[in-house]
């Protein structure tokens, strides 16, 4: 006489296979998928993000493959490492992003959007708060190697400013 099949073993096997398949296919969101979950446009970062980490307190580190430039309304420089604090609707304590204003490179300290969302995004650069159209940050932009305007690069202007500070 044949032994009866035990349905609970079959159920357990199917459950384990389903959980294993689900855990293999589930991966953390990309940084471009994460930003909109915090009410921010995905195009705030260039297309060359290598990795990122986000702590429970909102502090983050984004690693780029290399430094780069993107021309929005202003030319923006992205360092290889970008840090800050991510909260819904804002990034504060930002380090690693600078904007070119006239012939100077100024660090972006904070990025905010209106809540509820509007067509504006705000960049805090020192004491200056600049309002821009959020539309230009909705798509992810390709990374450029050099500043297009005036043929200068970020490092040469950085050196000029360092020399000026030393002479002061």
N, C-alpha and C. Protein backbone atom coordinates (compact mmCIF):
# COMPACT_ATOMS: atom_id res chain seq x y z
N UNK A 1 0.84 -1.18 0.00
CA UNK A 1 0.00 0.00 0.00
C UNK A 1 0.89 1.25 0.00
N UNK A 2 0.57 2.24 -0.86
CA UNK A 2 1.35 3.47 -0.99
C UNK A 2 1.06 4.39 0.18
N UNK A 3 2.10 5.15 0.59
CA UNK A 3 1.91 6.11 1.68
C UNK A 3 1.24 7.37 1.14
N UNK A 4 0.31 7.94 1.88
CA UNK A 4 -0.38 9.14 1.40
C UNK A 4 0.59 10.34 1.37
N UNK A 5 0.41 11.21 0.36
CA UNK A 5 1.22 12.43 0.25
C UNK A 5 0.85 13.39 1.37
N UNK A 6 1.84 14.10 1.84
CA UNK A 6 1.60 15.07 2.91
C UNK A 6 1.48 16.46 2.28
N UNK A 7 0.26 17.00 2.19
CA UNK A 7 0.06 18.28 1.51
C UNK A 7 0.78 19.44 2.18
N UNK A 8 0.99 19.39 3.49
CA UNK A 8 1.64 20.50 4.16
C UNK A 8 3.11 20.61 3.75
N UNK A 9 3.78 19.50 3.41
CA UNK A 9 5.16 19.55 2.92
C UNK A 9 5.22 20.21 1.55
N UNK A 10 4.27 19.88 0.71
CA UNK A 10 4.20 20.47 -0.62
C UNK A 10 3.95 21.99 -0.52
N UNK A 11 3.04 22.38 0.37
CA UNK A 11 2.75 23.79 0.61
C UNK A 11 4.00 24.53 1.10
N UNK A 12 4.72 23.92 2.03
CA UNK A 12 5.95 24.51 2.56
C UNK A 12 6.99 24.70 1.46
N UNK A 13 7.15 23.71 0.61
CA UNK A 13 8.11 23.79 -0.49
C UNK A 13 7.74 24.91 -1.46
N UNK A 14 6.48 25.02 -1.82
CA UNK A 14 6.02 26.08 -2.73
C UNK A 14 6.22 27.45 -2.09
N UNK A 15 5.92 27.59 -0.80
CA UNK A 15 6.11 28.86 -0.09
C UNK A 15 7.58 29.27 -0.08
N UNK A 16 8.46 28.33 0.20
CA UNK A 16 9.90 28.64 0.21
C UNK A 16 10.39 29.06 -1.16
N UNK A 17 9.96 28.39 -2.21
CA UNK A 17 10.35 28.77 -3.56
C UNK A 17 9.84 30.16 -3.93
N UNK A 18 8.61 30.47 -3.53
CA UNK A 18 8.04 31.79 -3.82
C UNK A 18 8.80 32.88 -3.08
N UNK A 19 9.11 32.66 -1.80
CA UNK A 19 9.85 33.66 -1.03
C UNK A 19 11.26 33.85 -1.58
N UNK A 20 11.91 32.77 -1.97
CA UNK A 20 13.26 32.86 -2.52
C UNK A 20 13.25 33.63 -3.84
N UNK A 21 12.30 33.32 -4.71
CA UNK A 21 12.19 34.02 -5.99
C UNK A 21 11.90 35.50 -5.77
N UNK A 22 11.01 35.81 -4.81
CA UNK A 22 10.66 37.20 -4.53
C UNK A 22 11.86 37.97 -3.99
N UNK A 23 12.63 37.37 -3.09
CA UNK A 23 13.77 38.09 -2.52
C UNK A 23 14.88 38.27 -3.53
N UNK A 24 15.01 37.39 -4.49
CA UNK A 24 16.03 37.53 -5.53
C UNK A 24 15.65 38.65 -6.49
N UNK A 25 14.37 38.75 -6.85
CA UNK A 25 13.95 39.74 -7.84
C UNK A 25 13.76 41.13 -7.25
N UNK A 26 13.66 41.26 -5.93
CA UNK A 26 13.47 42.56 -5.31
C UNK A 26 14.82 43.21 -5.04
N UNK A 27 15.03 44.35 -5.65
CA UNK A 27 16.27 45.08 -5.42
C UNK A 27 15.92 46.48 -4.93
N UNK A 28 16.84 47.12 -4.24
CA UNK A 28 16.53 48.47 -3.76
C UNK A 28 16.33 49.42 -4.95
N UNK A 29 15.56 50.47 -4.74
CA UNK A 29 15.34 51.42 -5.85
C UNK A 29 16.63 52.13 -6.21
N UNK A 30 16.72 52.55 -7.46
CA UNK A 30 17.85 53.39 -7.86
C UNK A 30 17.67 54.76 -7.22
N UNK A 31 18.71 55.55 -7.20
CA UNK A 31 18.61 56.89 -6.63
C UNK A 31 17.62 57.73 -7.45
N UNK A 32 17.51 57.44 -8.74
CA UNK A 32 16.58 58.17 -9.61
C UNK A 32 15.13 57.80 -9.30
N UNK A 33 14.89 56.59 -8.81
CA UNK A 33 13.55 56.17 -8.38
C UNK A 33 13.26 56.66 -6.96
N UNK A 34 14.30 56.83 -6.17
CA UNK A 34 14.15 57.24 -4.77
C UNK A 34 13.78 58.72 -4.64
N UNK A 35 14.40 59.58 -5.43
CA UNK A 35 14.15 61.02 -5.32
C UNK A 35 12.66 61.38 -5.43
N UNK A 36 11.91 60.87 -6.42
CA UNK A 36 10.49 61.20 -6.50
C UNK A 36 9.68 60.71 -5.29
N UNK A 37 10.13 59.65 -4.63
CA UNK A 37 9.45 59.18 -3.42
C UNK A 37 9.59 60.20 -2.28
N UNK A 38 10.56 61.10 -2.41
CA UNK A 38 10.76 62.19 -1.45
C UNK A 38 10.28 63.52 -2.02
N UNK A 39 9.48 63.47 -3.09
CA UNK A 39 8.90 64.68 -3.66
C UNK A 39 9.85 65.51 -4.49
N UNK A 40 11.01 64.94 -4.86
CA UNK A 40 12.03 65.67 -5.62
C UNK A 40 12.16 65.09 -7.02
N UNK A 41 12.54 65.92 -8.00
CA UNK A 41 12.69 65.41 -9.37
C UNK A 41 13.91 64.50 -9.51
N UNK A 42 13.80 63.48 -10.34
CA UNK A 42 14.88 62.49 -10.52
C UNK A 42 16.09 63.06 -11.24
N UNK A 43 15.94 64.17 -11.96
CA UNK A 43 17.04 64.75 -12.71
C UNK A 43 17.93 65.68 -11.92
N UNK A 44 17.85 65.67 -10.60
CA UNK A 44 18.76 66.49 -9.80
C UNK A 44 20.19 65.98 -9.87
N UNK A 45 20.35 64.69 -10.17
CA UNK A 45 21.67 64.08 -10.25
C UNK A 45 21.97 63.68 -11.69
N UNK A 46 23.24 63.67 -12.06
CA UNK A 46 23.62 63.28 -13.43
C UNK A 46 23.44 61.78 -13.65
N UNK A 47 23.64 61.36 -14.89
CA UNK A 47 23.41 59.97 -15.28
C UNK A 47 24.53 59.01 -14.88
N UNK A 48 25.55 59.46 -14.17
CA UNK A 48 26.69 58.60 -13.88
C UNK A 48 26.81 58.21 -12.41
N UNK A 49 25.68 58.05 -11.72
CA UNK A 49 25.70 57.62 -10.33
C UNK A 49 26.17 56.17 -10.27
N UNK A 50 27.23 55.95 -9.50
CA UNK A 50 27.79 54.61 -9.34
C UNK A 50 27.10 53.87 -8.19
N UNK A 51 26.89 54.57 -7.07
CA UNK A 51 26.24 53.96 -5.91
C UNK A 51 25.71 55.06 -5.00
N UNK A 52 24.85 54.64 -4.07
CA UNK A 52 24.38 55.56 -3.05
C UNK A 52 24.03 54.78 -1.80
N UNK A 53 24.04 55.49 -0.68
CA UNK A 53 23.57 54.91 0.58
C UNK A 53 22.70 55.95 1.26
N UNK A 54 21.67 55.47 1.94
CA UNK A 54 20.74 56.35 2.65
C UNK A 54 20.52 55.77 4.04
N UNK A 55 20.84 56.56 5.06
CA UNK A 55 20.65 56.13 6.45
C UNK A 55 19.23 56.41 6.91
N UNK A 56 18.86 55.81 8.02
CA UNK A 56 17.52 56.01 8.59
C UNK A 56 17.26 57.47 8.96
N UNK A 57 18.30 58.21 9.32
CA UNK A 57 18.14 59.62 9.69
C UNK A 57 18.08 60.55 8.48
N UNK A 58 18.16 59.99 7.26
CA UNK A 58 18.08 60.78 6.04
C UNK A 58 19.42 61.18 5.46
N UNK A 59 20.50 60.96 6.20
CA UNK A 59 21.81 61.32 5.65
C UNK A 59 22.15 60.35 4.51
N UNK A 60 22.78 60.89 3.48
CA UNK A 60 23.08 60.07 2.31
C UNK A 60 24.46 60.38 1.76
N UNK A 61 24.97 59.44 0.99
CA UNK A 61 26.20 59.59 0.23
C UNK A 61 25.91 59.07 -1.17
N UNK A 62 26.21 59.88 -2.18
CA UNK A 62 26.09 59.47 -3.58
C UNK A 62 27.48 59.48 -4.17
N UNK A 63 27.87 58.39 -4.79
CA UNK A 63 29.17 58.28 -5.45
C UNK A 63 28.94 58.31 -6.96
N UNK A 64 29.63 59.22 -7.64
CA UNK A 64 29.57 59.29 -9.10
C UNK A 64 30.78 58.57 -9.69
N UNK A 65 30.66 58.14 -10.93
CA UNK A 65 31.80 57.52 -11.61
C UNK A 65 32.95 58.50 -11.77
N UNK A 66 32.60 59.78 -12.00
CA UNK A 66 33.59 60.84 -12.14
C UNK A 66 32.90 62.17 -11.94
N UNK A 67 33.69 63.22 -11.73
CA UNK A 67 33.11 64.55 -11.62
C UNK A 67 32.50 64.94 -12.96
N UNK A 68 31.55 65.86 -12.93
CA UNK A 68 30.95 66.25 -14.20
C UNK A 68 30.24 67.60 -14.10
N UNK A 69 29.83 68.08 -15.25
CA UNK A 69 29.13 69.36 -15.40
C UNK A 69 27.85 69.14 -16.18
N UNK A 70 26.81 69.88 -15.82
CA UNK A 70 25.56 69.88 -16.57
C UNK A 70 25.11 71.33 -16.70
N UNK A 71 24.68 71.71 -17.89
CA UNK A 71 24.16 73.05 -18.12
C UNK A 71 22.64 73.04 -17.98
N UNK A 72 22.16 73.67 -16.92
CA UNK A 72 20.74 73.94 -16.74
C UNK A 72 20.60 75.43 -17.05
N UNK A 73 19.79 76.18 -16.30
CA UNK A 73 19.80 77.64 -16.44
C UNK A 73 21.18 78.17 -16.07
N UNK A 74 21.87 77.43 -15.20
CA UNK A 74 23.24 77.73 -14.78
C UNK A 74 24.06 76.45 -14.96
N UNK A 75 25.37 76.60 -15.08
CA UNK A 75 26.23 75.43 -15.15
C UNK A 75 26.42 74.88 -13.74
N UNK A 76 26.22 73.57 -13.60
CA UNK A 76 26.32 72.92 -12.30
C UNK A 76 27.47 71.92 -12.34
N UNK A 77 28.29 71.95 -11.30
CA UNK A 77 29.41 71.03 -11.14
C UNK A 77 29.05 70.00 -10.07
N UNK A 78 29.28 68.72 -10.37
CA UNK A 78 29.04 67.63 -9.44
C UNK A 78 30.37 67.00 -9.09
N UNK A 79 30.70 67.00 -7.80
CA UNK A 79 31.90 66.33 -7.33
C UNK A 79 31.68 64.82 -7.38
N UNK A 80 32.74 64.06 -7.26
CA UNK A 80 32.64 62.60 -7.32
C UNK A 80 31.85 62.04 -6.13
N UNK A 81 31.84 62.77 -5.01
CA UNK A 81 31.11 62.36 -3.81
C UNK A 81 30.18 63.49 -3.40
N UNK A 82 28.89 63.17 -3.25
CA UNK A 82 27.88 64.15 -2.85
C UNK A 82 27.24 63.65 -1.56
N UNK A 83 27.15 64.53 -0.57
CA UNK A 83 26.54 64.15 0.70
C UNK A 83 25.48 65.17 1.09
N UNK A 84 24.60 64.76 1.99
CA UNK A 84 23.58 65.66 2.49
C UNK A 84 22.57 64.92 3.33
N UNK A 85 21.45 65.59 3.59
CA UNK A 85 20.35 65.00 4.36
C UNK A 85 19.08 65.10 3.53
N UNK A 86 18.46 63.96 3.29
CA UNK A 86 17.26 63.88 2.47
C UNK A 86 16.03 63.79 3.36
N UNK A 87 15.09 64.71 3.14
CA UNK A 87 13.79 64.70 3.81
C UNK A 87 12.74 64.93 2.74
N UNK A 88 11.49 64.67 3.08
CA UNK A 88 10.46 64.87 2.07
C UNK A 88 10.43 66.34 1.65
N UNK A 89 10.65 66.58 0.36
CA UNK A 89 10.61 67.93 -0.20
C UNK A 89 11.89 68.72 -0.11
N UNK A 90 12.98 68.12 0.46
CA UNK A 90 14.21 68.91 0.57
C UNK A 90 15.46 68.05 0.72
N UNK A 91 16.56 68.66 0.34
CA UNK A 91 17.89 68.12 0.61
C UNK A 91 18.64 69.24 1.31
N UNK A 92 19.13 68.97 2.52
CA UNK A 92 19.87 69.98 3.27
C UNK A 92 21.28 69.48 3.56
N UNK A 93 22.10 70.35 4.15
CA UNK A 93 23.50 70.01 4.47
C UNK A 93 24.22 69.45 3.24
N UNK A 94 23.91 70.00 2.10
CA UNK A 94 24.42 69.49 0.83
C UNK A 94 25.88 69.86 0.63
N UNK A 95 26.66 68.90 0.18
CA UNK A 95 28.07 69.12 -0.13
C UNK A 95 28.40 68.31 -1.38
N UNK A 96 29.11 68.93 -2.32
CA UNK A 96 29.52 68.24 -3.53
C UNK A 96 28.85 68.73 -4.80
N UNK A 97 27.98 69.75 -4.67
CA UNK A 97 27.34 70.35 -5.85
C UNK A 97 27.59 71.84 -5.80
N UNK A 98 28.08 72.39 -6.92
CA UNK A 98 28.34 73.82 -7.02
C UNK A 98 27.71 74.37 -8.29
N UNK A 99 27.41 75.64 -8.25
CA UNK A 99 26.82 76.31 -9.40
C UNK A 99 27.72 77.47 -9.80
N UNK A 100 27.85 77.67 -11.12
CA UNK A 100 28.66 78.77 -11.62
C UNK A 100 27.79 80.01 -11.75
N UNK A 101 28.21 81.05 -11.07
CA UNK A 101 27.52 82.34 -11.12
C UNK A 101 28.54 83.38 -11.50
N UNK A 102 28.40 83.94 -12.70
CA UNK A 102 29.39 84.82 -13.30
C UNK A 102 30.69 84.04 -13.41
N UNK A 103 31.75 84.42 -12.73
CA UNK A 103 33.01 83.68 -12.81
C UNK A 103 33.32 82.92 -11.53
N UNK A 104 32.35 82.81 -10.65
CA UNK A 104 32.57 82.16 -9.37
C UNK A 104 31.81 80.84 -9.28
N UNK A 105 32.38 79.90 -8.56
CA UNK A 105 31.72 78.63 -8.25
C UNK A 105 31.24 78.71 -6.81
N UNK A 106 29.95 78.55 -6.60
CA UNK A 106 29.35 78.67 -5.28
C UNK A 106 28.69 77.35 -4.90
N UNK A 107 28.90 76.92 -3.67
CA UNK A 107 28.32 75.67 -3.19
C UNK A 107 26.82 75.77 -2.98
N UNK A 108 26.09 74.75 -3.44
CA UNK A 108 24.66 74.66 -3.20
C UNK A 108 24.48 74.03 -1.82
N UNK A 109 23.82 74.75 -0.91
CA UNK A 109 23.65 74.29 0.47
C UNK A 109 22.38 73.47 0.67
N UNK A 110 21.34 73.83 -0.10
CA UNK A 110 20.04 73.21 0.13
C UNK A 110 19.20 73.26 -1.15
N UNK A 111 18.36 72.25 -1.33
CA UNK A 111 17.42 72.20 -2.44
C UNK A 111 16.05 71.90 -1.85
N UNK A 112 15.03 72.68 -2.26
CA UNK A 112 13.68 72.49 -1.74
C UNK A 112 12.67 72.59 -2.87
N UNK A 113 11.53 71.93 -2.66
CA UNK A 113 10.39 72.09 -3.55
C UNK A 113 9.21 72.55 -2.71
N UNK A 114 8.23 73.17 -3.36
CA UNK A 114 7.01 73.58 -2.66
C UNK A 114 6.20 72.35 -2.27
N UNK A 115 5.57 72.42 -1.13
CA UNK A 115 4.64 71.38 -0.69
C UNK A 115 3.32 72.06 -0.39
N UNK A 116 2.24 71.74 -1.08
CA UNK A 116 2.14 70.75 -2.16
C UNK A 116 2.95 71.20 -3.38
N UNK A 117 3.29 70.22 -4.22
CA UNK A 117 4.18 70.50 -5.37
C UNK A 117 3.65 71.59 -6.29
N UNK A 118 4.60 72.37 -6.81
CA UNK A 118 4.30 73.40 -7.80
C UNK A 118 5.30 73.24 -8.93
N UNK A 119 5.42 74.25 -9.75
CA UNK A 119 6.37 74.20 -10.87
C UNK A 119 7.73 74.76 -10.49
N UNK A 120 7.98 74.98 -9.21
CA UNK A 120 9.21 75.63 -8.77
C UNK A 120 10.07 74.71 -7.92
N UNK A 121 11.37 74.96 -8.02
CA UNK A 121 12.35 74.32 -7.15
C UNK A 121 13.29 75.42 -6.70
N UNK A 122 13.77 75.33 -5.46
CA UNK A 122 14.58 76.40 -4.87
C UNK A 122 15.96 75.87 -4.50
N UNK A 123 16.97 76.65 -4.84
CA UNK A 123 18.36 76.32 -4.54
C UNK A 123 18.91 77.38 -3.61
N UNK A 124 19.36 76.96 -2.44
CA UNK A 124 19.98 77.86 -1.48
C UNK A 124 21.48 77.84 -1.70
N UNK A 125 22.03 79.00 -2.08
CA UNK A 125 23.47 79.14 -2.32
C UNK A 125 23.94 80.27 -1.41
N UNK A 126 24.50 79.90 -0.27
CA UNK A 126 24.85 80.93 0.71
C UNK A 126 23.59 81.63 1.18
N UNK A 127 23.58 82.96 1.08
CA UNK A 127 22.41 83.73 1.48
C UNK A 127 21.39 83.90 0.35
N UNK A 128 21.73 83.42 -0.83
CA UNK A 128 20.87 83.59 -2.01
C UNK A 128 19.96 82.37 -2.16
N UNK A 129 18.67 82.63 -2.36
CA UNK A 129 17.70 81.58 -2.61
C UNK A 129 17.18 81.77 -4.04
N UNK A 130 17.52 80.87 -4.94
CA UNK A 130 17.17 81.02 -6.36
C UNK A 130 16.03 80.08 -6.73
N UNK A 131 14.96 80.63 -7.29
CA UNK A 131 13.81 79.85 -7.73
C UNK A 131 13.98 79.53 -9.22
N UNK A 132 13.85 78.25 -9.57
CA UNK A 132 13.95 77.81 -10.96
C UNK A 132 12.74 76.96 -11.32
N UNK A 133 12.53 76.77 -12.63
CA UNK A 133 11.47 75.91 -13.12
C UNK A 133 11.87 74.45 -12.87
N UNK A 134 11.04 73.70 -12.18
CA UNK A 134 11.35 72.32 -11.82
C UNK A 134 11.41 71.41 -13.07
N UNK A 135 10.79 71.83 -14.16
CA UNK A 135 10.75 71.02 -15.38
C UNK A 135 12.12 70.63 -15.92
N UNK A 136 13.11 71.49 -15.76
CA UNK A 136 14.44 71.18 -16.29
C UNK A 136 15.16 70.09 -15.49
N UNK A 137 14.59 69.71 -14.34
CA UNK A 137 15.20 68.68 -13.50
C UNK A 137 14.40 67.37 -13.50
N UNK A 138 13.42 67.28 -14.37
CA UNK A 138 12.58 66.08 -14.38
C UNK A 138 13.18 64.94 -15.18
N UNK A 139 14.10 65.21 -16.08
CA UNK A 139 14.78 64.15 -16.82
C UNK A 139 16.23 64.07 -16.37
N UNK A 140 16.78 62.89 -16.46
CA UNK A 140 18.17 62.66 -16.05
C UNK A 140 19.08 63.10 -17.19
N UNK A 141 20.04 63.96 -16.88
CA UNK A 141 20.92 64.54 -17.89
C UNK A 141 22.26 63.83 -17.96
N UNK A 142 22.82 63.80 -19.18
CA UNK A 142 24.14 63.21 -19.38
C UNK A 142 25.20 64.11 -18.78
N UNK A 143 26.22 63.49 -18.29
CA UNK A 143 27.32 64.16 -17.63
C UNK A 143 28.30 64.71 -18.66
N UNK A 144 28.71 65.98 -18.50
CA UNK A 144 29.73 66.56 -19.36
C UNK A 144 31.06 66.64 -18.62
N UNK A 145 32.14 66.70 -19.39
CA UNK A 145 33.48 66.73 -18.79
C UNK A 145 33.95 68.13 -18.43
N UNK A 146 33.52 69.13 -19.16
CA UNK A 146 34.02 70.50 -18.94
C UNK A 146 32.89 71.49 -19.04
N UNK A 147 33.16 72.68 -18.53
CA UNK A 147 32.22 73.78 -18.63
C UNK A 147 32.18 74.24 -20.07
N UNK A 148 30.98 74.39 -20.61
CA UNK A 148 30.85 74.82 -22.00
C UNK A 148 31.13 76.31 -22.18
N UNK A 149 30.75 77.12 -21.18
CA UNK A 149 30.91 78.56 -21.35
C UNK A 149 32.31 79.01 -20.97
N UNK A 150 32.87 79.88 -21.77
CA UNK A 150 34.17 80.52 -21.55
C UNK A 150 35.34 79.55 -21.59
N UNK A 151 35.10 78.28 -21.91
CA UNK A 151 36.18 77.32 -22.08
C UNK A 151 36.98 77.02 -20.83
N UNK A 152 36.50 77.40 -19.66
CA UNK A 152 37.25 77.15 -18.44
C UNK A 152 36.72 75.92 -17.73
N UNK A 153 37.55 75.34 -16.89
CA UNK A 153 37.07 74.19 -16.13
C UNK A 153 37.01 74.56 -14.66
N UNK A 154 36.31 73.75 -13.89
CA UNK A 154 36.06 74.01 -12.48
C UNK A 154 37.35 74.08 -11.68
N UNK A 155 38.28 73.18 -11.91
CA UNK A 155 39.50 73.13 -11.12
C UNK A 155 40.35 74.39 -11.30
N UNK A 156 40.42 74.95 -12.52
CA UNK A 156 41.23 76.15 -12.71
C UNK A 156 40.64 77.33 -11.94
N UNK A 157 39.34 77.51 -11.93
CA UNK A 157 38.71 78.59 -11.18
C UNK A 157 38.85 78.36 -9.69
N UNK A 158 38.79 77.11 -9.29
CA UNK A 158 38.97 76.78 -7.88
C UNK A 158 40.38 77.19 -7.43
N UNK A 159 41.37 76.93 -8.26
CA UNK A 159 42.75 77.31 -7.94
C UNK A 159 42.90 78.83 -7.87
N UNK A 160 42.26 79.56 -8.79
CA UNK A 160 42.32 81.02 -8.78
C UNK A 160 41.74 81.55 -7.48
N UNK A 161 40.60 81.01 -7.06
CA UNK A 161 39.97 81.47 -5.82
C UNK A 161 40.84 81.14 -4.61
N UNK A 162 41.48 79.98 -4.62
CA UNK A 162 42.36 79.62 -3.51
C UNK A 162 43.55 80.57 -3.43
N UNK A 163 44.12 80.94 -4.57
CA UNK A 163 45.23 81.89 -4.59
C UNK A 163 44.78 83.24 -4.06
N UNK A 164 43.59 83.69 -4.48
CA UNK A 164 43.07 84.98 -4.01
C UNK A 164 42.89 84.97 -2.50
N UNK A 165 42.41 83.88 -1.95
CA UNK A 165 42.21 83.78 -0.50
C UNK A 165 43.55 83.80 0.20
N UNK A 166 44.55 83.12 -0.35
CA UNK A 166 45.87 83.10 0.26
C UNK A 166 46.54 84.47 0.24
N UNK A 167 46.29 85.25 -0.80
CA UNK A 167 46.88 86.59 -0.91
C UNK A 167 46.19 87.59 0.00
N UNK A 168 44.99 87.30 0.39
CA UNK A 168 44.19 88.21 1.20
C UNK A 168 44.69 88.37 2.59
